[in-house]
Amino acid sequence: MSARGQEEQDFCGTQLIDGNGVFNVEGLENFMRATKMSECGATYASVAILGPQSS
């Protein structure tokens, strides 16, 4: 497998809140399923929310 293919397997990102402030429930469910986060219990390494804020 190529290095790029491996990178693609290791990456799972989603936008949970769009520009209008609407929460992406389906995106969260897909993320949880893809990362198997529910199987981690309280031992996951990190969850990050990145992006600009507007007021």
Protein backbone atom coordinates (compact mmCIF):
# COMPACT_ATOMS: atom_id res chain seq x y z
CA MET A 1 0.00 0.00 0.00
CA SER A 2 1.28 3.48 -0.78
CA ALA A 3 2.03 6.04 1.92
CA ARG A 4 -0.83 8.17 0.63
CA GLY A 5 -3.25 5.25 0.89
CA GLN A 6 -2.20 4.73 4.49
CA GLU A 7 -2.70 8.42 5.26
CA GLU A 8 -6.21 8.27 3.85
CA GLN A 9 -7.05 5.31 6.08
CA ASP A 10 -5.75 7.09 9.19
CA PHE A 11 -7.72 10.28 8.58
CA CYS A 12 -11.37 10.78 9.42
CA GLY A 13 -12.68 14.32 9.66
CA THR A 14 -16.09 15.89 9.52
CA GLN A 15 -17.68 19.29 9.90
CA LEU A 16 -20.09 18.99 12.81
CA ILE A 17 -21.54 22.51 12.75
CA ASP A 18 -22.05 24.31 9.46
CA GLY A 19 -21.81 28.03 8.78
CA ASN A 20 -25.46 28.49 9.75
CA GLY A 21 -24.97 26.81 13.13
CA VAL A 22 -26.78 23.60 12.13
CA PHE A 23 -25.45 20.48 13.88
CA ASN A 24 -24.52 17.62 11.51
CA VAL A 25 -25.97 14.56 13.30
CA GLU A 26 -25.28 12.21 10.38
CA GLY A 27 -21.68 13.43 10.17
CA LEU A 28 -21.17 12.73 13.88
CA GLU A 29 -22.65 9.25 13.54
CA ASN A 30 -20.38 8.52 10.55
CA PHE A 31 -17.34 9.82 12.46
CA MET A 32 -18.17 7.71 15.54
CA ARG A 33 -18.63 4.62 13.37
CA ALA A 34 -15.48 5.17 11.27
CA THR A 35 -13.24 5.79 14.28
CA LYS A 36 -14.95 3.19 16.50
CA MET A 37 -14.97 5.85 19.21
CA SER A 38 -17.85 4.21 21.10
CA GLU A 39 -15.59 1.18 21.65
CA CYS A 40 -12.93 3.39 23.28
CA GLY A 41 -14.95 4.24 26.37
CA ALA A 42 -13.14 7.04 28.17
CA THR A 43 -9.70 6.10 26.82
CA TYR A 44 -9.68 8.04 23.53
CA ALA A 45 -6.65 10.24 22.89
CA SER A 46 -8.36 13.47 21.85
CA VAL A 47 -11.30 15.15 20.22
CA ALA A 48 -10.63 18.56 18.72
CA ILE A 49 -12.82 21.32 17.40
CA LEU A 50 -10.87 23.57 15.04
CA GLY A 51 -11.96 26.52 13.03
CA PRO A 52 -12.70 30.22 13.05
CA GLN A 53 -15.22 31.74 15.38
CA SER A 54 -17.57 34.51 14.43
CA SER A 55 -19.53 36.78 16.69
